[in-house]
Amino acid sequence: MSLPVPTCRKSAQGNVKRVTQWFGAAIAVFLVCLPLLSQTNQGTIQGALLDQTGGAIAGATVTVIDVARGVTRALVTDGAGQYVANNLTPGTYTIRAEAKGFRTAEHSGVLLEVGQDIRET
């Protein structure tokens, strides 16, 4: 005579259902919060260095100076004369550009606000 073997089929199905519901809820919360990740309190200043004829000045040094904090960031222009200073704290900046064979150019009073991307020429 054999005894009936107990099965856990119902409890296993219940656990799978609970895990699936929890996983679905976690994905829903992530998708709702995703737009919040894109908001930032910082900004970007970008630009290009061109000579008098409109040609790009590659390899120039661009210094971005946070006037209030005295913090500087040195950048080098790419082959197209472009530079990008990301993740800057809002404030007033001075942009200084230097290249061998050219006079130093400086643009002061650049106001960067929260989340703003400024294009300097």
PDB file of N, CA and C in Angstrom:
ATOM      1  N   MET A   1       0.839  -1.165   0.000  1.00  0.00           N
ATOM      2  CA  MET A   1       0.000   0.000   0.000  1.00  0.00           C
ATOM      3  C   MET A   1       0.895   1.242   0.000  1.00  0.00           C
ATOM      4  N   SER A   2       0.577   2.166  -0.877  1.00  0.00           N
ATOM      5  CA  SER A   2       1.391   3.372  -0.958  1.00  0.00           C
ATOM      6  C   SER A   2       0.592   4.564  -0.446  1.00  0.00           C
ATOM      7  N   LEU A   3       1.320   5.442   0.169  1.00  0.00           N
ATOM      8  CA  LEU A   3       0.700   6.651   0.715  1.00  0.00           C
ATOM      9  C   LEU A   3       0.722   7.748  -0.345  1.00  0.00           C
ATOM     10  N   PRO A   4      -0.287   8.612  -0.322  1.00  0.00           N
ATOM     11  CA  PRO A   4      -0.276   9.712  -1.298  1.00  0.00           C
ATOM     12  C   PRO A   4       0.899  10.661  -1.043  1.00  0.00           C
ATOM     13  N   VAL A   5       1.508  11.083  -2.119  1.00  0.00           N
ATOM     14  CA  VAL A   5       2.639  11.998  -2.031  1.00  0.00           C
ATOM     15  C   VAL A   5       2.092  13.430  -2.029  1.00  0.00           C
ATOM     16  N   PRO A   6       2.457  14.209  -0.998  1.00  0.00           N
ATOM     17  CA  PRO A   6       1.962  15.587  -0.964  1.00  0.00           C
ATOM     18  C   PRO A   6       2.604  16.403  -2.094  1.00  0.00           C
ATOM     19  N   THR A   7       1.829  17.276  -2.669  1.00  0.00           N
ATOM     20  CA  THR A   7       2.348  18.134  -3.733  1.00  0.00           C
ATOM     21  C   THR A   7       2.327  19.587  -3.276  1.00  0.00           C
ATOM     22  N   CYS A   8       3.252  20.324  -3.789  1.00  0.00           N
ATOM     23  CA  CYS A   8       3.364  21.747  -3.466  1.00  0.00           C
ATOM     24  C   CYS A   8       3.011  22.580  -4.683  1.00  0.00           C
ATOM     25  N   ARG A   9       2.284  22.009  -5.587  1.00  0.00           N
ATOM     26  CA  ARG A   9       1.983  22.681  -6.833  1.00  0.00           C
ATOM     27  C   ARG A   9       1.267  24.014  -6.609  1.00  0.00           C
ATOM     28  N   LYS A  10       0.258  24.054  -5.745  1.00  0.00           N
ATOM     29  CA  LYS A  10      -0.481  25.295  -5.527  1.00  0.00           C
ATOM     30  C   LYS A  10       0.394  26.351  -4.889  1.00  0.00           C
ATOM     31  N   SER A  11       1.214  26.003  -3.916  1.00  0.00           N
ATOM     32  CA  SER A  11       2.049  27.013  -3.264  1.00  0.00           C
ATOM     33  C   SER A  11       3.154  27.495  -4.197  1.00  0.00           C
ATOM     34  N   ALA A  12       3.677  26.602  -5.026  1.00  0.00           N
ATOM     35  CA  ALA A  12       4.703  27.033  -5.982  1.00  0.00           C
ATOM     36  C   ALA A  12       4.112  27.994  -6.998  1.00  0.00           C
ATOM     37  N   GLN A  13       2.915  27.734  -7.463  1.00  0.00           N
ATOM     38  CA  GLN A  13       2.256  28.642  -8.405  1.00  0.00           C
ATOM     39  C   GLN A  13       1.974  29.984  -7.737  1.00  0.00           C
ATOM     40  N   GLY A  14       1.603  29.957  -6.473  1.00  0.00           N
ATOM     41  CA  GLY A  14       1.357  31.203  -5.742  1.00  0.00           C
ATOM     42  C   GLY A  14       2.620  32.034  -5.601  1.00  0.00           C
ATOM     43  N   ASN A  15       3.750  31.355  -5.342  1.00  0.00           N
ATOM     44  CA  ASN A  15       5.033  32.069  -5.226  1.00  0.00           C
ATOM     45  C   ASN A  15       5.440  32.693  -6.554  1.00  0.00           C
ATOM     46  N   VAL A  16       5.266  31.962  -7.640  1.00  0.00           N
ATOM     47  CA  VAL A  16       5.600  32.492  -8.956  1.00  0.00           C
ATOM     48  C   VAL A  16       4.732  33.700  -9.270  1.00  0.00           C
ATOM     49  N   LYS A  17       3.479  33.612  -8.916  1.00  0.00           N
ATOM     50  CA  LYS A  17       2.560  34.728  -9.173  1.00  0.00           C
ATOM     51  C   LYS A  17       2.975  35.964  -8.367  1.00  0.00           C
ATOM     52  N   ARG A  18       3.335  35.752  -7.099  1.00  0.00           N
ATOM     53  CA  ARG A  18       3.764  36.874  -6.257  1.00  0.00           C
ATOM     54  C   ARG A  18       5.052  37.506  -6.782  1.00  0.00           C
ATOM     55  N   VAL A  19       6.017  36.682  -7.192  1.00  0.00           N
ATOM     56  CA  VAL A  19       7.283  37.195  -7.723  1.00  0.00           C
ATOM     57  C   VAL A  19       7.026  37.972  -9.014  1.00  0.00           C
ATOM     58  N   THR A  20       6.165  37.464  -9.861  1.00  0.00           N
ATOM     59  CA  THR A  20       5.832  38.146 -11.112  1.00  0.00           C
ATOM     60  C   THR A  20       5.169  39.493 -10.841  1.00  0.00           C
ATOM     61  N   GLN A  21       4.272  39.526  -9.877  1.00  0.00           N
ATOM     62  CA  GLN A  21       3.614  40.794  -9.524  1.00  0.00           C
ATOM     63  C   GLN A  21       4.627  41.784  -8.958  1.00  0.00           C
ATOM     64  N   TRP A  22       5.510  41.310  -8.101  1.00  0.00           N
ATOM     65  CA  TRP A  22       6.517  42.190  -7.511  1.00  0.00           C
ATOM     66  C   TRP A  22       7.442  42.728  -8.596  1.00  0.00           C
ATOM     67  N   PHE A  23       7.872  41.860  -9.501  1.00  0.00           N
ATOM     68  CA  PHE A  23       8.750  42.266 -10.585  1.00  0.00           C
ATOM     69  C   PHE A  23       8.058  43.288 -11.487  1.00  0.00           C
ATOM     70  N   GLY A  24       6.795  43.073 -11.790  1.00  0.00           N
ATOM     71  CA  GLY A  24       6.033  44.020 -12.608  1.00  0.00           C
ATOM     72  C   GLY A  24       5.901  45.370 -11.928  1.00  0.00           C
ATOM     73  N   ALA A  25       5.668  45.355 -10.608  1.00  0.00           N
ATOM     74  CA  ALA A  25       5.562  46.611  -9.863  1.00  0.00           C
ATOM     75  C   ALA A  25       6.899  47.352  -9.855  1.00  0.00           C
ATOM     76  N   ALA A  26       7.994  46.616  -9.703  1.00  0.00           N
ATOM     77  CA  ALA A  26       9.320  47.244  -9.696  1.00  0.00           C
ATOM     78  C   ALA A  26       9.611  47.899 -11.047  1.00  0.00           C
ATOM     79  N   ILE A  27       9.268  47.236 -12.132  1.00  0.00           N
ATOM     80  CA  ILE A  27       9.469  47.814 -13.465  1.00  0.00           C
ATOM     81  C   ILE A  27       8.610  49.062 -13.642  1.00  0.00           C
ATOM     82  N   ALA A  28       7.374  49.021 -13.168  1.00  0.00           N
ATOM     83  CA  ALA A  28       6.486  50.183 -13.280  1.00  0.00           C
ATOM     84  C   ALA A  28       7.054  51.379 -12.515  1.00  0.00           C
ATOM     85  N   VAL A  29       7.566  51.156 -11.312  1.00  0.00           N
ATOM     86  CA  VAL A  29       8.153  52.239 -10.521  1.00  0.00           C
ATOM     87  C   VAL A  29       9.378  52.798 -11.237  1.00  0.00           C
ATOM     88  N   PHE A  30      10.208  51.927 -11.788  1.00  0.00           N
ATOM     89  CA  PHE A  30      11.390  52.377 -12.527  1.00  0.00           C
ATOM     90  C   PHE A  30      11.000  53.252 -13.714  1.00  0.00           C
ATOM     91  N   LEU A  31      10.009  52.833 -14.481  1.00  0.00           N
ATOM     92  CA  LEU A  31       9.590  53.598 -15.652  1.00  0.00           C
ATOM     93  C   LEU A  31       8.987  54.941 -15.274  1.00  0.00           C
ATOM     94  N   VAL A  32       8.289  55.002 -14.155  1.00  0.00           N
ATOM     95  CA  VAL A  32       7.715  56.264 -13.697  1.00  0.00           C
ATOM     96  C   VAL A  32       8.824  57.215 -13.244  1.00  0.00           C
ATOM     97  N   CYS A  33       9.862  56.666 -12.616  1.00  0.00           N
ATOM     98  CA  CYS A  33      10.949  57.504 -12.089  1.00  0.00           C
ATOM     99  C   CYS A  33      12.004  57.857 -13.141  1.00  0.00           C
ATOM    100  N   LEU A  34      12.010  57.193 -14.276  1.00  0.00           N
ATOM    101  CA  LEU A  34      13.021  57.415 -15.299  1.00  0.00           C
ATOM    102  C   LEU A  34      13.151  58.876 -15.733  1.00  0.00           C
ATOM    103  N   PRO A  35      12.054  59.611 -15.953  1.00  0.00           N
ATOM    104  CA  PRO A  35      12.208  61.023 -16.333  1.00  0.00           C
ATOM    105  C   PRO A  35      12.907  61.863 -15.263  1.00  0.00           C
ATOM    106  N   LEU A  36      12.814  61.479 -14.010  1.00  0.00           N
ATOM    107  CA  LEU A  36      13.474  62.236 -12.952  1.00  0.00           C
ATOM    108  C   LEU A  36      14.984  62.139 -13.055  1.00  0.00           C
ATOM    109  N   LEU A  37      15.493  61.051 -13.605  1.00  0.00           N
ATOM    110  CA  LEU A  37      16.933  60.878 -13.735  1.00  0.00           C
ATOM    111  C   LEU A  37      17.537  61.849 -14.745  1.00  0.00           C
ATOM    112  N   SER A  38      16.748  62.296 -15.698  1.00  0.00           N
ATOM    113  CA  SER A  38      17.275  63.177 -16.731  1.00  0.00           C
ATOM    114  C   SER A  38      17.334  64.634 -16.287  1.00  0.00           C
ATOM    115  N   GLN A  39      16.678  64.956 -15.196  1.00  0.00           N
ATOM    116  CA  GLN A  39      16.715  66.334 -14.724  1.00  0.00           C
ATOM    117  C   GLN A  39      18.014  66.568 -13.964  1.00  0.00           C
ATOM    118  N   THR A  40      18.603  67.712 -14.198  1.00  0.00           N
ATOM    119  CA  THR A  40      19.891  68.009 -13.583  1.00  0.00           C
ATOM    120  C   THR A  40      19.921  69.455 -13.139  1.00  0.00           C
ATOM    121  N   ASN A  41      20.816  69.747 -12.223  1.00  0.00           N
ATOM    122  CA  ASN A  41      20.976  71.124 -11.780  1.00  0.00           C
ATOM    123  C   ASN A  41      22.247  71.721 -12.368  1.00  0.00           C
ATOM    124  N   GLN A  42      22.806  71.074 -13.377  1.00  0.00           N
ATOM    125  CA  GLN A  42      24.026  71.551 -13.990  1.00  0.00           C
ATOM    126  C   GLN A  42      23.776  71.939 -15.435  1.00  0.00           C
ATOM    127  N   GLY A  43      24.773  72.527 -16.063  1.00  0.00           N
ATOM    128  CA  GLY A  43      24.617  72.970 -17.445  1.00  0.00           C
ATOM    129  C   GLY A  43      25.863  72.708 -18.261  1.00  0.00           C
ATOM    130  N   THR A  44      25.810  73.138 -19.519  1.00  0.00           N
ATOM    131  CA  THR A  44      26.900  72.903 -20.455  1.00  0.00           C
ATOM    132  C   THR A  44      27.214  74.178 -21.231  1.00  0.00           C
ATOM    133  N   ILE A  45      28.489  74.425 -21.414  1.00  0.00           N
ATOM    134  CA  ILE A  45      28.941  75.495 -22.305  1.00  0.00           C
ATOM    135  C   ILE A  45      29.756  74.815 -23.404  1.00  0.00           C
ATOM    136  N   GLN A  46      29.380  75.109 -24.650  1.00  0.00           N
ATOM    137  CA  GLN A  46      30.112  74.541 -25.773  1.00  0.00           C
ATOM    138  C   GLN A  46      30.342  75.614 -26.823  1.00  0.00           C
ATOM    139  N   GLY A  47      31.282  75.367 -27.692  1.00  0.00           N
ATOM    140  CA  GLY A  47      31.558  76.355 -28.717  1.00  0.00           C
ATOM    141  C   GLY A  47      32.572  75.868 -29.715  1.00  0.00           C
ATOM    142  N   ALA A  48      32.989  76.764 -30.579  1.00  0.00           N
ATOM    143  CA  ALA A  48      33.970  76.462 -31.612  1.00  0.00           C
ATOM    144  C   ALA A  48      34.942  77.627 -31.735  1.00  0.00           C
ATOM    145  N   LEU A  49      36.191  77.307 -32.002  1.00  0.00           N
ATOM    146  CA  LEU A  49      37.200  78.333 -32.252  1.00  0.00           C
ATOM    147  C   LEU A  49      37.521  78.329 -33.738  1.00  0.00           C
ATOM    148  N   LEU A  50      37.321  79.489 -34.337  1.00  0.00           N
ATOM    149  CA  LEU A  50      37.554  79.644 -35.775  1.00  0.00           C
ATOM    150  C   LEU A  50      38.480  80.822 -36.006  1.00  0.00           C
ATOM    151  N   ASP A  51      39.288  80.740 -37.059  1.00  0.00           N
ATOM    152  CA  ASP A  51      40.145  81.870 -37.391  1.00  0.00           C
ATOM    153  C   ASP A  51      39.369  82.891 -38.223  1.00  0.00           C
ATOM    154  N   GLN A  52      40.056  83.944 -38.711  1.00  0.00           N
ATOM    155  CA  GLN A  52      39.398  85.021 -39.440  1.00  0.00           C
ATOM    156  C   GLN A  52      38.738  84.544 -40.733  1.00  0.00           C
ATOM    157  N   THR A  53      39.234  83.470 -41.299  1.00  0.00           N
ATOM    158  CA  THR A  53      38.672  82.959 -42.549  1.00  0.00           C
ATOM    159  C   THR A  53      37.571  81.923 -42.318  1.00  0.00           C
ATOM    160  N   GLY A  54      37.312  81.593 -41.061  1.00  0.00           N
ATOM    161  CA  GLY A  54      36.287  80.592 -40.745  1.00  0.00           C
ATOM    162  C   GLY A  54      36.844  79.195 -40.592  1.00  0.00           C
ATOM    163  N   GLY A  55      38.153  79.048 -40.659  1.00  0.00           N
ATOM    164  CA  GLY A  55      38.780  77.735 -40.473  1.00  0.00           C
ATOM    165  C   GLY A  55      38.849  77.357 -39.004  1.00  0.00           C
ATOM    166  N   ALA A  56      38.734  76.078 -38.743  1.00  0.00           N
ATOM    167  CA  ALA A  56      38.772  75.579 -37.365  1.00  0.00           C
ATOM    168  C   ALA A  56      40.175  75.679 -36.792  1.00  0.00           C
ATOM    169  N   ILE A  57      40.243  75.997 -35.503  1.00  0.00           N
ATOM    170  CA  ILE A  57      41.520  76.035 -34.785  1.00  0.00           C
ATOM    171  C   ILE A  57      41.561  74.796 -33.890  1.00  0.00           C
ATOM    172  N   ALA A  58      42.207  73.754 -34.379  1.00  0.00           N
ATOM    173  CA  ALA A  58      42.309  72.501 -33.621  1.00  0.00           C
ATOM    174  C   ALA A  58      43.447  72.586 -32.607  1.00  0.00           C
ATOM    175  N   GLY A  59      43.276  71.924 -31.477  1.00  0.00           N
ATOM    176  CA  GLY A  59      44.325  71.861 -30.464  1.00  0.00           C
ATOM    177  C   GLY A  59      44.486  73.106 -29.624  1.00  0.00           C
ATOM    178  N   ALA A  60      43.550  74.037 -29.702  1.00  0.00           N
ATOM    179  CA  ALA A  60      43.609  75.252 -28.884  1.00  0.00           C
ATOM    180  C   ALA A  60      43.202  74.918 -27.449  1.00  0.00           C
ATOM    181  N   THR A  61      43.711  75.680 -26.510  1.00  0.00           N
ATOM    182  CA  THR A  61      43.350  75.510 -25.110  1.00  0.00           C
ATOM    183  C   THR A  61      42.222  76.462 -24.773  1.00  0.00           C
ATOM    184  N   VAL A  62      41.133  75.912 -24.240  1.00  0.00           N
ATOM    185  CA  VAL A  62      39.993  76.715 -23.788  1.00  0.00           C
ATOM    186  C   VAL A  62      39.885  76.527 -22.280  1.00  0.00           C
ATOM    187  N   THR A  63      39.877  77.635 -21.562  1.00  0.00           N
ATOM    188  CA  THR A  63      39.738  77.586 -20.110  1.00  0.00           C
ATOM    189  C   THR A  63      38.389  78.164 -19.727  1.00  0.00           C
ATOM    190  N   VAL A  64      37.611  77.374 -19.007  1.00  0.00           N
ATOM    191  CA  VAL A  64      36.296  77.796 -18.529  1.00  0.00           C
ATOM    192  C   VAL A  64      36.465  78.106 -17.045  1.00  0.00           C
ATOM    193  N   ILE A  65      36.197  79.366 -16.672  1.00  0.00           N
ATOM    194  CA  ILE A  65      36.452  79.835 -15.307  1.00  0.00           C
ATOM    195  C   ILE A  65      35.140  80.181 -14.629  1.00  0.00           C
ATOM    196  N   ASP A  66      34.849  79.520 -13.513  1.00  0.00           N
ATOM    197  CA  ASP A  66      33.695  79.861 -12.668  1.00  0.00           C
ATOM    198  C   ASP A  66      34.121  81.048 -11.821  1.00  0.00           C
ATOM    199  N   VAL A  67      33.593  82.223 -12.138  1.00  0.00           N
ATOM    200  CA  VAL A  67      34.039  83.473 -11.522  1.00  0.00           C
ATOM    201  C   VAL A  67      33.820  83.474 -10.014  1.00  0.00           C
ATOM    202  N   ALA A  68      32.666  83.050  -9.546  1.00  0.00           N
ATOM    203  CA  ALA A  68      32.330  83.113  -8.124  1.00  0.00           C
ATOM    204  C   ALA A  68      33.153  82.134  -7.290  1.00  0.00           C
ATOM    205  N   ARG A  69      33.431  80.968  -7.823  1.00  0.00           N
ATOM    206  CA  ARG A  69      34.109  79.924  -7.047  1.00  0.00           C
ATOM    207  C   ARG A  69      35.601  79.843  -7.336  1.00  0.00           C
ATOM    208  N   GLY A  70      36.040  80.486  -8.409  1.00  0.00           N
ATOM    209  CA  GLY A  70      37.452  80.448  -8.770  1.00  0.00           C
ATOM    210  C   GLY A  70      37.895  79.097  -9.317  1.00  0.00           C
ATOM    211  N   VAL A  71      36.949  78.292  -9.752  1.00  0.00           N
ATOM    212  CA  VAL A  71      37.258  76.964 -10.291  1.00  0.00           C
ATOM    213  C   VAL A  71      37.475  77.078 -11.790  1.00  0.00           C
ATOM    214  N   THR A  72      38.524  76.428 -12.291  1.00  0.00           N
ATOM    215  CA  THR A  72      38.802  76.463 -13.729  1.00  0.00           C
ATOM    216  C   THR A  72      38.767  75.044 -14.293  1.00  0.00           C
ATOM    217  N   ARG A  73      38.431  74.965 -15.560  1.00  0.00           N
ATOM    218  CA  ARG A  73      38.466  73.698 -16.287  1.00  0.00           C
ATOM    219  C   ARG A  73      39.131  73.964 -17.627  1.00  0.00           C
ATOM    220  N   ALA A  74      40.205  73.232 -17.891  1.00  0.00           N
ATOM    221  CA  ALA A  74      40.933  73.391 -19.149  1.00  0.00           C
ATOM    222  C   ALA A  74      40.469  72.322 -20.134  1.00  0.00           C
ATOM    223  N   LEU A  75      40.211  72.748 -21.360  1.00  0.00           N
ATOM    224  CA  LEU A  75      39.776  71.861 -22.434  1.00  0.00           C
ATOM    225  C   LEU A  75      40.659  72.091 -23.646  1.00  0.00           C
ATOM    226  N   VAL A  76      40.665  71.145 -24.570  1.00  0.00           N
ATOM    227  CA  VAL A  76      41.395  71.285 -25.829  1.00  0.00           C
ATOM    228  C   VAL A  76      40.390  71.080 -26.952  1.00  0.00           C
ATOM    229  N   THR A  77      40.436  71.958 -27.942  1.00  0.00           N
ATOM    230  CA  THR A  77      39.507  71.835 -29.069  1.00  0.00           C
ATOM    231  C   THR A  77      39.863  70.616 -29.925  1.00  0.00           C
ATOM    232  N   ASP A  78      38.827  70.047 -30.522  1.00  0.00           N
ATOM    233  CA  ASP A  78      39.037  68.881 -31.389  1.00  0.00           C
ATOM    234  C   ASP A  78      39.428  69.333 -32.798  1.00  0.00           C
ATOM    235  N   GLY A  79      39.453  68.412 -33.740  1.00  0.00           N
ATOM    236  CA  GLY A  79      39.861  68.713 -35.110  1.00  0.00           C
ATOM    237  C   GLY A  79      38.979  69.716 -35.813  1.00  0.00           C
ATOM    238  N   ALA A  80      37.727  69.843 -35.345  1.00  0.00           N
ATOM    239  CA  ALA A  80      36.800  70.810 -35.935  1.00  0.00           C
ATOM    240  C   ALA A  80      36.767  72.115 -35.139  1.00  0.00           C
ATOM    241  N   GLY A  81      37.690  72.252 -34.178  1.00  0.00           N
ATOM    242  CA  GLY A  81      37.746  73.459 -33.356  1.00  0.00           C
ATOM    243  C   GLY A  81      36.677  73.510 -32.274  1.00  0.00           C
ATOM    244  N   GLN A  82      36.001  72.403 -32.022  1.00  0.00           N
ATOM    245  CA  GLN A  82      34.894  72.348 -31.060  1.00  0.00           C
ATOM    246  C   GLN A  82      35.394  72.019 -29.649  1.00  0.00           C
ATOM    247  N   TYR A  83      34.682  72.545 -28.644  1.00  0.00           N
ATOM    248  CA  TYR A  83      34.927  72.191 -27.246  1.00  0.00           C
ATOM    249  C   TYR A  83      33.583  72.076 -26.542  1.00  0.00           C
ATOM    250  N   VAL A  84      33.549  71.260 -25.489  1.00  0.00           N
ATOM    251  CA  VAL A  84      32.340  71.068 -24.686  1.00  0.00           C
ATOM    252  C   VAL A  84      32.750  70.971 -23.224  1.00  0.00           C
ATOM    253  N   ALA A  85      32.162  71.819 -22.384  1.00  0.00           N
ATOM    254  CA  ALA A  85      32.363  71.765 -20.938  1.00  0.00           C
ATOM    255  C   ALA A  85      31.039  71.316 -20.316  1.00  0.00           C
ATOM    256  N   ASN A  86      30.965  70.047 -19.930  1.00  0.00           N
ATOM    257  CA  ASN A  86      29.750  69.479 -19.343  1.00  0.00           C
ATOM    258  C   ASN A  86      29.744  69.610 -17.826  1.00  0.00           C
ATOM    259  N   ASN A  87      28.585  69.396 -17.249  1.00  0.00           N
ATOM    260  CA  ASN A  87      28.413  69.308 -15.790  1.00  0.00           C
ATOM    261  C   ASN A  87      28.962  70.520 -15.047  1.00  0.00           C
ATOM    262  N   LEU A  88      28.618  71.691 -15.530  1.00  0.00           N
ATOM    263  CA  LEU A  88      29.036  72.927 -14.874  1.00  0.00           C
ATOM    264  C   LEU A  88      27.955  73.380 -13.902  1.00  0.00           C
ATOM    265  N   THR A  89      28.378  73.883 -12.775  1.00  0.00           N
ATOM    266  CA  THR A  89      27.459  74.447 -11.793  1.00  0.00           C
ATOM    267  C   THR A  89      26.938  75.779 -12.321  1.00  0.00           C
ATOM    268  N   PRO A  90      25.644  76.058 -12.156  1.00  0.00           N
ATOM    269  CA  PRO A  90      25.115  77.350 -12.608  1.00  0.00           C
ATOM    270  C   PRO A  90      25.893  78.512 -11.990  1.00  0.00           C
ATOM    271  N   GLY A  91      26.102  79.538 -12.793  1.00  0.00           N
ATOM    272  CA  GLY A  91      26.839  80.710 -12.324  1.00  0.00           C
ATOM    273  C   GLY A  91      27.332  81.526 -13.501  1.00  0.00           C
ATOM    274  N   THR A  92      28.229  82.449 -13.196  1.00  0.00           N
ATOM    275  CA  THR A  92      28.814  83.315 -14.224  1.00  0.00           C
ATOM    276  C   THR A  92      30.206  82.805 -14.562  1.00  0.00           C
ATOM    277  N   TYR A  93      30.476  82.690 -15.846  1.00  0.00           N
ATOM    278  CA  TYR A  93      31.735  82.123 -16.317  1.00  0.00           C
ATOM    279  C   TYR A  93      32.473  83.080 -17.237  1.00  0.00           C
ATOM    280  N   THR A  94      33.782  82.887 -17.289  1.00  0.00           N
ATOM    281  CA  THR A  94      34.639  83.539 -18.264  1.00  0.00           C
ATOM    282  C   THR A  94      35.241  82.428 -19.114  1.00  0.00           C
ATOM    283  N   ILE A  95      35.206  82.608 -20.430  1.00  0.00           N
ATOM    284  CA  ILE A  95      35.761  81.628 -21.360  1.00  0.00           C
ATOM    285  C   ILE A  95      37.004  82.256 -21.994  1.00  0.00           C
ATOM    286  N   ARG A  96      38.141  81.593 -21.844  1.00  0.00           N
ATOM    287  CA  ARG A  96      39.400  82.100 -22.402  1.00  0.00           C
ATOM    288  C   ARG A  96      39.936  81.068 -23.393  1.00  0.00           C
ATOM    289  N   ALA A  97      40.301  81.518 -24.594  1.00  0.00           N
ATOM    290  CA  ALA A  97      40.835  80.634 -25.628  1.00  0.00           C
ATOM    291  C   ALA A  97      42.224  81.087 -26.035  1.00  0.00           C
ATOM    292  N   GLU A  98      43.155  80.118 -26.110  1.00  0.00           N
ATOM    293  CA  GLU A  98      44.534  80.409 -26.478  1.00  0.00           C
ATOM    294  C   GLU A  98      45.010  79.372 -27.490  1.00  0.00           C
ATOM    295  N   ALA A  99      45.689  79.855 -28.514  1.00  0.00           N
ATOM    296  CA  ALA A  99      46.277  78.966 -29.512  1.00  0.00           C
ATOM    297  C   ALA A  99      47.563  79.600 -30.032  1.00  0.00           C
ATOM    298  N   LYS A 100      48.533  78.766 -30.314  1.00  0.00           N
ATOM    299  CA  LYS A 100      49.814  79.257 -30.813  1.00  0.00           C
ATOM    300  C   LYS A 100      49.598  79.982 -32.146  1.00  0.00           C
ATOM    301  N   GLY A 101      50.144  81.188 -32.239  1.00  0.00           N
ATOM    302  CA  GLY A 101      50.027  81.974 -33.453  1.00  0.00           C
ATOM    303  C   GLY A 101      48.788  82.871 -33.485  1.00  0.00           C
ATOM    304  N   PHE A 102      47.956  82.812 -32.445  1.00  0.00           N
ATOM    305  CA  PHE A 102      46.741  83.639 -32.363  1.00  0.00           C
ATOM    306  C   PHE A 102      46.759  84.418 -31.059  1.00  0.00           C
ATOM    307  N   ARG A 103      46.086  85.545 -31.059  1.00  0.00           N
ATOM    308  CA  ARG A 103      45.970  86.296 -29.809  1.00  0.00           C
ATOM    309  C   ARG A 103      44.959  85.593 -28.902  1.00  0.00           C
ATOM    310  N   THR A 104      45.104  85.796 -27.605  1.00  0.00           N
ATOM    311  CA  THR A 104      44.189  85.202 -26.634  1.00  0.00           C
ATOM    312  C   THR A 104      42.851  85.926 -26.708  1.00  0.00           C
ATOM    313  N   ALA A 105      41.785  85.154 -26.743  1.00  0.00           N
ATOM    314  CA  ALA A 105      40.430  85.726 -26.768  1.00  0.00           C
ATOM    315  C   ALA A 105      39.753  85.384 -25.447  1.00  0.00           C
ATOM    316  N   GLU A 106      38.968  86.319 -24.938  1.00  0.00           N
ATOM    317  CA  GLU A 106      38.279  86.103 -23.662  1.00  0.00           C
ATOM    318  C   GLU A 106      36.862  86.646 -23.747  1.00  0.00           C
ATOM    319  N   HIS A 107      35.924  85.865 -23.276  1.00  0.00           N
ATOM    320  CA  HIS A 107      34.517  86.270 -23.228  1.00  0.00           C
ATOM    321  C   HIS A 107      34.065  86.125 -21.785  1.00  0.00           C
ATOM    322  N   SER A 108      33.776  87.256 -21.136  1.00  0.00           N
ATOM    323  CA  SER A 108      33.387  87.208 -19.721  1.00  0.00           C
ATOM    324  C   SER A 108      31.887  87.479 -19.580  1.00  0.00           C
ATOM    325  N   GLY A 109      31.382  87.199 -18.396  1.00  0.00           N
ATOM    326  CA  GLY A 109      29.974  87.453 -18.086  1.00  0.00           C
ATOM    327  C   GLY A 109      29.016  86.452 -18.718  1.00  0.00           C
ATOM    328  N   VAL A 110      29.482  85.238 -18.965  1.00  0.00           N
ATOM    329  CA  VAL A 110      28.620  84.200 -19.534  1.00  0.00           C
ATOM    330  C   VAL A 110      27.793  83.610 -18.399  1.00  0.00           C
ATOM    331  N   LEU A 111      26.493  83.846 -18.426  1.00  0.00           N
ATOM    332  CA  LEU A 111      25.606  83.382 -17.356  1.00  0.00           C
ATOM    333  C   LEU A 111      25.021  82.026 -17.729  1.00  0.00           C
ATOM    334  N   LEU A 112      25.318  81.030 -16.909  1.00  0.00           N
ATOM    335  CA  LEU A 112      24.813  79.668 -17.104  1.00  0.00           C
ATOM    336  C   LEU A 112      23.770  79.390 -16.027  1.00  0.00           C
ATOM    337  N   GLU A 113      22.565  79.045 -16.470  1.00  0.00           N
ATOM    338  CA  GLU A 113      21.481  78.750 -15.537  1.00  0.00           C
ATOM    339  C   GLU A 113      21.263  77.246 -15.445  1.00  0.00           C
ATOM    340  N   VAL A 114      20.436  76.830 -14.496  1.00  0.00           N
ATOM    341  CA  VAL A 114      20.172  75.419 -14.233  1.00  0.00           C
ATOM    342  C   VAL A 114      19.676  74.713 -15.491  1.00  0.00           C
ATOM    343  N   GLY A 115      20.331  73.593 -15.830  1.00  0.00           N
ATOM    344  CA  GLY A 115      19.917  72.780 -16.954  1.00  0.00           C
ATOM    345  C   GLY A 115      20.113  73.413 -18.319  1.00  0.00           C
ATOM    346  N   GLN A 116      20.812  74.509 -18.397  1.00  0.00           N
ATOM    347  CA  GLN A 116      20.964  75.239 -19.652  1.00  0.00           C
ATOM    348  C   GLN A 116      22.189  74.755 -20.435  1.00  0.00           C
ATOM    349  N   ASP A 117      22.059  74.727 -21.745  1.00  0.00           N
ATOM    350  CA  ASP A 117      23.170  74.444 -22.646  1.00  0.00           C
ATOM    351  C   ASP A 117      23.430  75.707 -23.467  1.00  0.00           C
ATOM    352  N   ILE A 118      24.605  76.282 -23.298  1.00  0.00           N
ATOM    353  CA  ILE A 118      24.964  77.523 -23.985  1.00  0.00           C
ATOM    354  C   ILE A 118      25.921  77.202 -25.108  1.00  0.00           C
ATOM    355  N   ARG A 119      25.704  77.831 -26.248  1.00  0.00           N
ATOM    356  CA  ARG A 119      26.603  77.690 -27.399  1.00  0.00           C
ATOM    357  C   ARG A 119      27.318  79.022 -27.584  1.00  0.00           C
ATOM    358  N   GLU A 120      28.634  79.036 -27.361  1.00  0.00           N
ATOM    359  CA  GLU A 120      29.466  80.241 -27.521  1.00  0.00           C
ATOM    360  C   GLU A 120      30.137  80.188 -28.881  1.00  0.00           C
ATOM    361  N   THR A 121      30.252  81.338 -29.516  1.00  0.00           N
ATOM    362  CA  THR A 121      30.943  81.391 -30.800  1.00  0.00           C
ATOM    363  C   THR A 121      32.118  82.328 -30.722  1.00  0.00           C
TER     364      THR A 121
END
